[in-house]
Amino acid sequence: MAPQARKRTAAKPADREPFDFNLDAVEPEQELTPFRFHWGGRRFVMRHLDDLDVWAVLHLADAGDIAAMVGAFEAALGDQWDDFRKIRMPQYKLRALFKAYREHCRIDEDGNPIDGEPGEAAEPAAS
């Protein structure tokens, strides 16, 4: 019977050893200010879209635009979500709210960052 070959495994590098990319050092490209709005006689505050935990909303990307939008609202509103849901919401108001939230977060309809300062017209995409 032939001798069994031993599997060699590389030693796991320690966290202090050199690495290729330091994600801990990455900072946002813009200030992640909360979005505040008034609805149903009260004030709501949503965390900035870029500040949301990606794992909480990523799975909704394949569920369609409405599911992704509602999932982002739930994550952004946090503890306020249940109070927000208690108020009847016509679809046209939900669309207007999401548009205002996207504009505040400087994100276009496709989820891409908008260049320039808030209030400026967005540059057309290069072809």
N, C-alpha and C. Protein backbone atom coordinates (compact mmCIF):
# COMPACT_ATOMS: atom_id res chain seq x y z
N MET A 1 0.84 -1.17 0.00
CA MET A 1 0.00 0.00 0.00
C MET A 1 0.89 1.24 0.00
N ALA A 2 0.57 2.17 -0.88
CA ALA A 2 1.38 3.39 -1.00
C ALA A 2 1.14 4.30 0.18
N PRO A 3 2.17 5.01 0.61
CA PRO A 3 1.97 5.94 1.74
C PRO A 3 1.05 7.08 1.32
N GLN A 4 0.23 7.53 2.28
CA GLN A 4 -0.70 8.63 2.01
C GLN A 4 0.07 9.94 1.96
N ALA A 5 -0.29 10.75 1.00
CA ALA A 5 0.35 12.06 0.89
C ALA A 5 -0.22 12.97 1.97
N ARG A 6 0.64 13.71 2.58
CA ARG A 6 0.20 14.66 3.60
C ARG A 6 -0.24 15.95 2.92
N LYS A 7 -1.34 16.48 3.41
CA LYS A 7 -1.80 17.77 2.90
C LYS A 7 -1.05 18.86 3.63
N ARG A 8 -0.53 19.77 2.87
CA ARG A 8 0.16 20.90 3.48
C ARG A 8 -0.79 22.09 3.45
N THR A 9 -0.92 22.72 4.56
CA THR A 9 -1.75 23.91 4.64
C THR A 9 -0.88 25.08 5.04
N ALA A 10 -1.16 26.19 4.41
CA ALA A 10 -0.40 27.40 4.75
C ALA A 10 -0.84 27.88 6.11
N ALA A 11 0.10 28.39 6.85
CA ALA A 11 -0.23 28.94 8.16
C ALA A 11 -1.08 30.19 7.96
N LYS A 12 -2.06 30.33 8.80
CA LYS A 12 -2.94 31.49 8.73
C LYS A 12 -2.16 32.72 9.21
N PRO A 13 -2.09 33.78 8.36
CA PRO A 13 -1.35 34.97 8.80
C PRO A 13 -2.05 35.65 9.97
N ALA A 14 -1.26 36.23 10.83
CA ALA A 14 -1.79 36.98 11.97
C ALA A 14 -2.37 38.30 11.47
N ASP A 15 -3.33 38.86 12.19
CA ASP A 15 -3.96 40.12 11.80
C ASP A 15 -2.96 41.26 11.69
N ARG A 16 -1.85 41.18 12.38
CA ARG A 16 -0.87 42.27 12.36
C ARG A 16 0.06 42.19 11.15
N GLU A 17 0.02 41.08 10.42
CA GLU A 17 0.88 40.92 9.24
C GLU A 17 0.34 41.78 8.10
N PRO A 18 1.19 42.06 7.09
CA PRO A 18 0.76 42.90 5.96
C PRO A 18 -0.48 42.31 5.26
N PHE A 19 -1.26 43.20 4.67
CA PHE A 19 -2.48 42.81 3.97
C PHE A 19 -2.59 43.63 2.69
N ASP A 20 -3.50 43.28 1.82
CA ASP A 20 -3.65 43.95 0.53
C ASP A 20 -4.56 45.17 0.58
N PHE A 21 -5.53 45.17 1.47
CA PHE A 21 -6.51 46.25 1.52
C PHE A 21 -7.00 46.41 2.95
N ASN A 22 -7.04 47.62 3.45
CA ASN A 22 -7.49 47.88 4.81
C ASN A 22 -8.89 48.48 4.77
N LEU A 23 -9.90 47.65 4.84
CA LEU A 23 -11.28 48.12 4.82
C LEU A 23 -11.60 48.98 6.04
N ASP A 24 -10.93 48.74 7.14
CA ASP A 24 -11.14 49.56 8.34
C ASP A 24 -10.83 51.03 8.10
N ALA A 25 -9.96 51.32 7.15
CA ALA A 25 -9.54 52.71 6.89
C ALA A 25 -10.46 53.44 5.90
N VAL A 26 -11.39 52.75 5.29
CA VAL A 26 -12.27 53.38 4.29
C VAL A 26 -13.26 54.31 4.97
N GLU A 27 -13.38 55.51 4.44
CA GLU A 27 -14.30 56.53 4.94
C GLU A 27 -15.33 56.85 3.86
N PRO A 28 -16.52 57.31 4.23
CA PRO A 28 -17.52 57.66 3.20
C PRO A 28 -17.06 58.87 2.39
N GLU A 29 -17.52 58.94 1.14
CA GLU A 29 -17.15 60.04 0.25
C GLU A 29 -17.96 61.30 0.56
N GLN A 30 -19.02 61.17 1.31
CA GLN A 30 -19.85 62.31 1.67
C GLN A 30 -20.27 62.16 3.13
N GLU A 31 -20.74 63.24 3.71
CA GLU A 31 -21.23 63.17 5.08
C GLU A 31 -22.54 62.38 5.07
N LEU A 32 -22.67 61.44 5.96
CA LEU A 32 -23.84 60.56 6.00
C LEU A 32 -24.89 61.13 6.94
N THR A 33 -25.43 62.29 6.56
CA THR A 33 -26.42 62.96 7.41
C THR A 33 -27.77 62.26 7.32
N PRO A 34 -28.49 62.19 8.43
CA PRO A 34 -29.81 61.57 8.43
C PRO A 34 -30.79 62.38 7.57
N PHE A 35 -31.82 61.71 7.11
CA PHE A 35 -32.89 62.32 6.32
C PHE A 35 -34.10 62.47 7.24
N ARG A 36 -34.59 63.69 7.37
CA ARG A 36 -35.73 63.96 8.26
C ARG A 36 -36.94 64.35 7.43
N PHE A 37 -38.10 63.81 7.79
CA PHE A 37 -39.32 64.17 7.08
C PHE A 37 -40.49 64.16 8.06
N HIS A 38 -41.56 64.82 7.64
CA HIS A 38 -42.77 64.93 8.45
C HIS A 38 -43.87 64.12 7.79
N TRP A 39 -44.56 63.30 8.57
CA TRP A 39 -45.64 62.47 8.03
C TRP A 39 -46.59 62.08 9.14
N GLY A 40 -47.86 62.23 8.88
CA GLY A 40 -48.87 61.80 9.84
C GLY A 40 -48.80 62.57 11.15
N GLY A 41 -48.38 63.83 11.08
CA GLY A 41 -48.34 64.66 12.27
C GLY A 41 -47.11 64.48 13.14
N ARG A 42 -46.11 63.74 12.64
CA ARG A 42 -44.90 63.56 13.43
C ARG A 42 -43.65 63.57 12.56
N ARG A 43 -42.53 63.69 13.20
CA ARG A 43 -41.23 63.73 12.55
C ARG A 43 -40.61 62.34 12.55
N PHE A 44 -40.07 61.95 11.41
CA PHE A 44 -39.34 60.70 11.29
C PHE A 44 -37.92 61.01 10.84
N VAL A 45 -36.99 60.17 11.25
CA VAL A 45 -35.59 60.33 10.88
C VAL A 45 -35.09 58.99 10.33
N MET A 46 -34.54 59.05 9.12
CA MET A 46 -33.98 57.86 8.48
C MET A 46 -32.46 57.97 8.41
N ARG A 47 -31.77 56.89 8.70
CA ARG A 47 -30.33 56.87 8.51
C ARG A 47 -30.02 56.99 7.03
N HIS A 48 -28.88 57.57 6.72
CA HIS A 48 -28.44 57.73 5.34
C HIS A 48 -28.35 56.35 4.68
N LEU A 49 -28.72 56.27 3.41
CA LEU A 49 -28.72 55.01 2.67
C LEU A 49 -27.35 54.34 2.70
N ASP A 50 -26.27 55.12 2.58
CA ASP A 50 -24.93 54.53 2.59
C ASP A 50 -24.50 54.07 3.98
N ASP A 51 -25.26 54.41 5.00
CA ASP A 51 -24.93 54.03 6.37
C ASP A 51 -25.69 52.77 6.81
N LEU A 52 -26.57 52.25 5.95
CA LEU A 52 -27.34 51.06 6.29
C LEU A 52 -26.47 49.82 6.21
N ASP A 53 -26.75 48.85 7.06
CA ASP A 53 -26.04 47.57 7.02
C ASP A 53 -26.42 46.86 5.73
N VAL A 54 -25.46 46.66 4.86
CA VAL A 54 -25.71 46.07 3.55
C VAL A 54 -26.35 44.69 3.66
N TRP A 55 -26.01 43.94 4.68
CA TRP A 55 -26.54 42.58 4.82
C TRP A 55 -28.04 42.61 5.15
N ALA A 56 -28.52 43.72 5.71
CA ALA A 56 -29.93 43.82 6.05
C ALA A 56 -30.80 44.10 4.83
N VAL A 57 -30.21 44.62 3.75
CA VAL A 57 -31.01 45.00 2.58
C VAL A 57 -30.59 44.31 1.29
N LEU A 58 -29.41 43.71 1.25
CA LEU A 58 -28.89 43.12 0.02
C LEU A 58 -29.80 42.03 -0.55
N HIS A 59 -30.34 41.21 0.30
CA HIS A 59 -31.19 40.10 -0.16
C HIS A 59 -32.47 40.60 -0.85
N LEU A 60 -32.83 41.87 -0.66
CA LEU A 60 -34.05 42.41 -1.25
C LEU A 60 -33.85 42.89 -2.69
N ALA A 61 -32.61 42.97 -3.14
CA ALA A 61 -32.31 43.48 -4.47
C ALA A 61 -33.00 42.65 -5.56
N ASP A 62 -33.10 41.36 -5.36
CA ASP A 62 -33.73 40.49 -6.36
C ASP A 62 -35.24 40.42 -6.22
N ALA A 63 -35.80 41.02 -5.17
CA ALA A 63 -37.23 40.95 -4.91
C ALA A 63 -38.02 42.03 -5.64
N GLY A 64 -37.33 42.94 -6.33
CA GLY A 64 -38.00 44.01 -7.06
C GLY A 64 -37.82 45.35 -6.39
N ASP A 65 -38.13 46.39 -7.15
CA ASP A 65 -37.90 47.76 -6.69
C ASP A 65 -38.69 48.12 -5.44
N ILE A 66 -39.97 47.75 -5.41
CA ILE A 66 -40.81 48.11 -4.26
C ILE A 66 -40.31 47.41 -3.00
N ALA A 67 -40.00 46.11 -3.10
CA ALA A 67 -39.51 45.37 -1.94
C ALA A 67 -38.17 45.94 -1.45
N ALA A 68 -37.31 46.31 -2.38
CA ALA A 68 -36.02 46.89 -2.00
C ALA A 68 -36.22 48.25 -1.33
N MET A 69 -37.15 49.05 -1.87
CA MET A 69 -37.42 50.37 -1.30
C MET A 69 -37.99 50.23 0.12
N VAL A 70 -38.95 49.34 0.29
CA VAL A 70 -39.56 49.14 1.61
C VAL A 70 -38.52 48.58 2.59
N GLY A 71 -37.67 47.67 2.13
CA GLY A 71 -36.63 47.12 2.98
C GLY A 71 -35.63 48.18 3.42
N ALA A 72 -35.29 49.08 2.49
CA ALA A 72 -34.39 50.19 2.84
C ALA A 72 -35.05 51.11 3.86
N PHE A 73 -36.33 51.39 3.68
CA PHE A 73 -37.05 52.23 4.65
C PHE A 73 -37.06 51.58 6.02
N GLU A 74 -37.34 50.29 6.07
CA GLU A 74 -37.39 49.59 7.36
C GLU A 74 -36.03 49.67 8.06
N ALA A 75 -34.97 49.42 7.31
CA ALA A 75 -33.63 49.49 7.90
C ALA A 75 -33.28 50.91 8.32
N ALA A 76 -33.63 51.89 7.48
CA ALA A 76 -33.27 53.29 7.76
C ALA A 76 -34.06 53.88 8.92
N LEU A 77 -35.30 53.45 9.06
CA LEU A 77 -36.14 53.97 10.14
C LEU A 77 -35.86 53.28 11.48
N GLY A 78 -35.37 52.07 11.44
CA GLY A 78 -35.04 51.36 12.67
C GLY A 78 -36.24 51.22 13.59
N ASP A 79 -36.11 51.72 14.82
CA ASP A 79 -37.16 51.61 15.83
C ASP A 79 -38.43 52.38 15.47
N GLN A 80 -38.36 53.27 14.51
CA GLN A 80 -39.54 54.05 14.12
C GLN A 80 -40.41 53.32 13.09
N TRP A 81 -39.91 52.20 12.57
CA TRP A 81 -40.60 51.49 11.49
C TRP A 81 -42.03 51.13 11.85
N ASP A 82 -42.27 50.59 13.03
CA ASP A 82 -43.62 50.18 13.41
C ASP A 82 -44.58 51.37 13.43
N ASP A 83 -44.14 52.51 13.97
CA ASP A 83 -44.98 53.72 13.99
C ASP A 83 -45.23 54.22 12.57
N PHE A 84 -44.22 54.16 11.74
CA PHE A 84 -44.36 54.58 10.34
C PHE A 84 -45.39 53.72 9.61
N ARG A 85 -45.37 52.42 9.85
CA ARG A 85 -46.28 51.47 9.20
C ARG A 85 -47.73 51.63 9.66
N LYS A 86 -47.95 52.23 10.82
CA LYS A 86 -49.32 52.39 11.33
C LYS A 86 -50.11 53.43 10.54
N ILE A 87 -49.42 54.28 9.80
CA ILE A 87 -50.08 55.36 9.05
C ILE A 87 -50.32 54.88 7.62
N ARG A 88 -51.57 54.99 7.16
CA ARG A 88 -51.90 54.58 5.79
C ARG A 88 -51.00 55.35 4.82
N MET A 89 -50.40 54.63 3.84
CA MET A 89 -49.45 55.23 2.91
C MET A 89 -49.87 54.97 1.47
N PRO A 90 -50.41 55.98 0.78
CA PRO A 90 -50.69 55.81 -0.66
C PRO A 90 -49.38 55.64 -1.43
N GLN A 91 -49.42 54.88 -2.50
CA GLN A 91 -48.21 54.60 -3.27
C GLN A 91 -47.55 55.88 -3.80
N TYR A 92 -48.33 56.87 -4.22
CA TYR A 92 -47.72 58.08 -4.77
C TYR A 92 -46.90 58.82 -3.71
N LYS A 93 -47.32 58.72 -2.45
CA LYS A 93 -46.55 59.35 -1.38
C LYS A 93 -45.28 58.55 -1.09
N LEU A 94 -45.38 57.23 -1.15
CA LEU A 94 -44.20 56.39 -0.94
C LEU A 94 -43.16 56.67 -2.03
N ARG A 95 -43.60 56.78 -3.28
CA ARG A 95 -42.68 57.09 -4.38
C ARG A 95 -42.03 58.46 -4.18
N ALA A 96 -42.82 59.46 -3.77
CA ALA A 96 -42.28 60.80 -3.53
C ALA A 96 -41.28 60.79 -2.38
N LEU A 97 -41.58 60.03 -1.34
CA LEU A 97 -40.67 59.94 -0.21
C LEU A 97 -39.36 59.28 -0.63
N PHE A 98 -39.45 58.21 -1.39
CA PHE A 98 -38.23 57.52 -1.82
C PHE A 98 -37.40 58.41 -2.74
N LYS A 99 -38.06 59.16 -3.61
CA LYS A 99 -37.34 60.08 -4.50
C LYS A 99 -36.59 61.13 -3.67
N ALA A 100 -37.25 61.72 -2.69
CA ALA A 100 -36.62 62.73 -1.84
C ALA A 100 -35.47 62.10 -1.04
N TYR A 101 -35.65 60.88 -0.56
CA TYR A 101 -34.61 60.18 0.21
C TYR A 101 -33.40 59.90 -0.68
N ARG A 102 -33.65 59.41 -1.89
CA ARG A 102 -32.55 59.16 -2.84
C ARG A 102 -31.79 60.44 -3.15
N GLU A 103 -32.52 61.53 -3.39
CA GLU A 103 -31.87 62.80 -3.70
C GLU A 103 -31.03 63.27 -2.51
N HIS A 104 -31.56 63.12 -1.30
CA HIS A 104 -30.81 63.48 -0.10
C HIS A 104 -29.51 62.66 -0.01
N CYS A 105 -29.61 61.38 -0.34
CA CYS A 105 -28.46 60.47 -0.25
C CYS A 105 -27.57 60.53 -1.49
N ARG A 106 -27.96 61.35 -2.49
CA ARG A 106 -27.19 61.54 -3.72
C ARG A 106 -27.04 60.23 -4.50
N ILE A 107 -28.18 59.53 -4.67
CA ILE A 107 -28.24 58.26 -5.39
C ILE A 107 -29.26 58.41 -6.52
N ASP A 108 -28.90 57.97 -7.74
CA ASP A 108 -29.85 58.06 -8.85
C ASP A 108 -30.83 56.88 -8.81
N GLU A 109 -31.73 56.82 -9.78
CA GLU A 109 -32.76 55.78 -9.80
C GLU A 109 -32.18 54.37 -9.91
N ASP A 110 -30.96 54.26 -10.46
CA ASP A 110 -30.33 52.95 -10.62
C ASP A 110 -29.43 52.59 -9.44
N GLY A 111 -29.39 53.46 -8.41
CA GLY A 111 -28.57 53.20 -7.24
C GLY A 111 -27.13 53.67 -7.37
N ASN A 112 -26.84 54.45 -8.41
CA ASN A 112 -25.49 54.96 -8.61
C ASN A 112 -25.32 56.32 -7.94
N PRO A 113 -24.12 56.62 -7.44
CA PRO A 113 -23.90 57.92 -6.82
C PRO A 113 -24.07 59.06 -7.84
N ILE A 114 -24.63 60.17 -7.38
CA ILE A 114 -24.78 61.36 -8.22
C ILE A 114 -23.61 62.28 -7.91
N ASP A 115 -22.92 62.73 -8.95
CA ASP A 115 -21.79 63.64 -8.79
C ASP A 115 -22.30 65.04 -8.52
N GLY A 116 -21.44 65.86 -7.93
CA GLY A 116 -21.78 67.26 -7.69
C GLY A 116 -22.33 67.47 -6.30
N GLU A 117 -22.70 68.69 -6.04
CA GLU A 117 -23.24 69.07 -4.74
C GLU A 117 -24.75 68.92 -4.73
N PRO A 118 -25.36 68.70 -3.57
CA PRO A 118 -26.82 68.64 -3.49
C PRO A 118 -27.42 69.92 -4.07
N GLY A 119 -28.48 69.76 -4.84
CA GLY A 119 -29.16 70.90 -5.45
C GLY A 119 -28.68 71.18 -6.86
N GLU A 120 -27.50 70.65 -7.24
CA GLU A 120 -27.01 70.82 -8.60
C GLU A 120 -27.68 69.79 -9.50
N ALA A 121 -27.82 70.13 -10.77
CA ALA A 121 -28.34 69.17 -11.73
C ALA A 121 -27.28 68.09 -11.94
N ALA A 122 -27.71 66.86 -12.03
CA ALA A 122 -26.78 65.76 -12.24
C ALA A 122 -26.24 65.80 -13.66
N GLU A 123 -24.98 65.45 -13.81
CA GLU A 123 -24.36 65.38 -15.13
C GLU A 123 -24.91 64.16 -15.86
N PRO A 124 -25.20 64.30 -17.16
CA PRO A 124 -25.66 63.11 -17.90
C PRO A 124 -24.54 62.06 -17.95
N ALA A 125 -24.95 60.81 -17.93
CA ALA A 125 -23.97 59.72 -17.97
C ALA A 125 -23.26 59.71 -19.32
N ALA A 126 -21.96 59.43 -19.30
CA ALA A 126 -21.18 59.34 -20.55
C ALA A 126 -21.55 58.08 -21.27
N SER A 127 -21.60 58.16 -22.59
CA SER A 127 -21.94 56.97 -23.38
C SER A 127 -20.70 56.27 -23.86
